[in-house]
Protein backbone atom coordinates (compact mmCIF):
# COMPACT_ATOMS: atom_id res chain seq x y z
CA MET A 1 -25.34 3.46 -20.29
CA ARG A 2 -23.81 6.66 -21.51
CA THR A 3 -21.72 8.78 -19.16
CA THR A 4 -18.85 11.24 -19.20
CA VAL A 5 -15.58 10.45 -17.49
CA THR A 6 -12.30 12.31 -17.33
CA LEU A 7 -9.28 10.08 -17.85
CA ASP A 8 -5.75 10.94 -16.84
CA PRO A 9 -3.29 11.22 -19.74
CA ASP A 10 -1.45 8.04 -18.73
CA VAL A 11 -4.73 6.08 -18.72
CA VAL A 12 -5.60 7.39 -22.18
CA ALA A 13 -2.19 6.24 -23.42
CA LEU A 14 -2.78 2.75 -21.98
CA VAL A 15 -6.22 2.48 -23.57
CA LYS A 16 -4.85 3.68 -26.91
CA ARG A 17 -2.09 1.08 -26.73
CA VAL A 18 -4.69 -1.66 -26.21
CA MET A 19 -6.71 -0.23 -29.12
CA ARG A 20 -3.67 -0.36 -31.38
CA ASP A 21 -2.46 -3.79 -30.24
CA LYS A 22 -5.85 -5.48 -30.48
CA GLY A 23 -7.35 -3.43 -33.28
CA ILE A 24 -10.46 -2.54 -31.29
CA SER A 25 -12.40 0.67 -30.66
CA PHE A 26 -11.82 3.04 -27.76
CA LYS A 27 -15.12 1.96 -26.22
CA ALA A 28 -14.23 -1.75 -26.45
CA ALA A 29 -10.73 -1.17 -25.02
CA LEU A 30 -12.10 0.89 -22.12
CA ASN A 31 -14.82 -1.66 -21.31
CA GLU A 32 -12.24 -4.47 -21.41
CA ALA A 33 -9.92 -2.57 -19.06
CA ILE A 34 -12.72 -1.92 -16.58
CA ARG A 35 -13.87 -5.55 -16.68
CA ASN A 36 -10.32 -6.82 -16.16
CA GLY A 37 -9.67 -4.42 -13.31
CA VAL A 38 -12.95 -4.56 -11.42
CA ALA A 39 -14.62 -7.86 -12.14
CA LYS A 40 -11.81 -10.29 -11.35
CA PRO A 41 -13.11 -13.64 -10.16
CA PRO A 42 -11.97 -14.53 -6.63
CA SER A 43 -9.64 -17.21 -8.00
CA GLN A 44 -7.53 -14.50 -9.66
CA ALA A 45 -7.42 -12.22 -6.65
CA SER A 46 -4.00 -11.53 -5.19
CA ARG A 47 -2.81 -13.22 -2.03
CA PRO A 48 -3.83 -11.59 1.25
CA TYR A 49 -1.25 -9.24 2.74
CA ARG A 50 0.87 -10.85 5.44
CA LEU A 51 2.98 -8.90 7.89
CA LYS A 52 5.88 -10.59 9.64
CA THR A 53 5.89 -10.08 13.38
CA TYR A 54 8.87 -10.20 15.72
CA ARG A 55 9.18 -10.67 19.46
CA MET A 56 10.44 -7.48 21.03
CA GLY A 57 10.76 -8.68 24.57
CA TYR A 58 8.81 -7.79 27.67
CA ARG A 59 9.65 -5.03 30.13
CA PRO A 60 7.69 -5.59 33.35
CA GLU A 61 8.58 -2.12 34.66
CA VAL A 62 6.36 -0.51 32.02
CA GLY A 63 2.74 -1.54 31.62
CA LEU A 64 1.79 -2.74 28.15
CA ASP A 65 -1.00 -0.16 28.08
CA LYS A 66 1.61 2.59 28.44
CA ALA A 67 3.33 2.38 25.04
CA LEU A 68 4.20 6.08 24.97
CA SER A 69 5.91 5.79 28.34
CA LEU A 70 7.95 2.88 27.06
CA ALA A 71 8.93 4.82 23.94
CA ALA A 72 9.95 7.83 26.06
CA ALA A 73 12.02 5.66 28.40
CA LEU A 74 13.83 4.03 25.48
CA GLU A 75 14.46 7.43 23.89
CA ASP A 76 15.83 8.79 27.16
CA GLU A 77 18.19 5.81 27.47
CA GLU A 78 19.48 6.38 23.93
CA ILE A 79 20.01 10.11 24.51
CA ALA A 80 21.91 9.36 27.73
CA ARG A 81 24.04 6.80 25.91
CA LYS A 82 24.93 9.28 23.15
CA LEU A 83 25.73 12.01 25.67
CA SER A 84 28.02 9.65 27.57
CA ILE A 85 30.09 9.06 24.44
CA ARG A 86 29.82 12.78 23.47
CA LYS A 87 28.15 12.16 20.14
């Protein structure tokens, strides 16, 4: 298939480096880059992203469905603490 694409200057530099290193044409270098980037077999896929979680405690005075209220209460406590030490 023949198509027109616009490559960013840094991408052109990468493709040209592959051309020079491997002694291949622009078309071959571009096709190789696309195959390597898009058609990775599942065995080469990166590990799934994992996010560490931490217990933050439970405050029964604020319902869990009222997260903004909890945030406001904590902010108010911090402001009061700073005012009490005149910061």
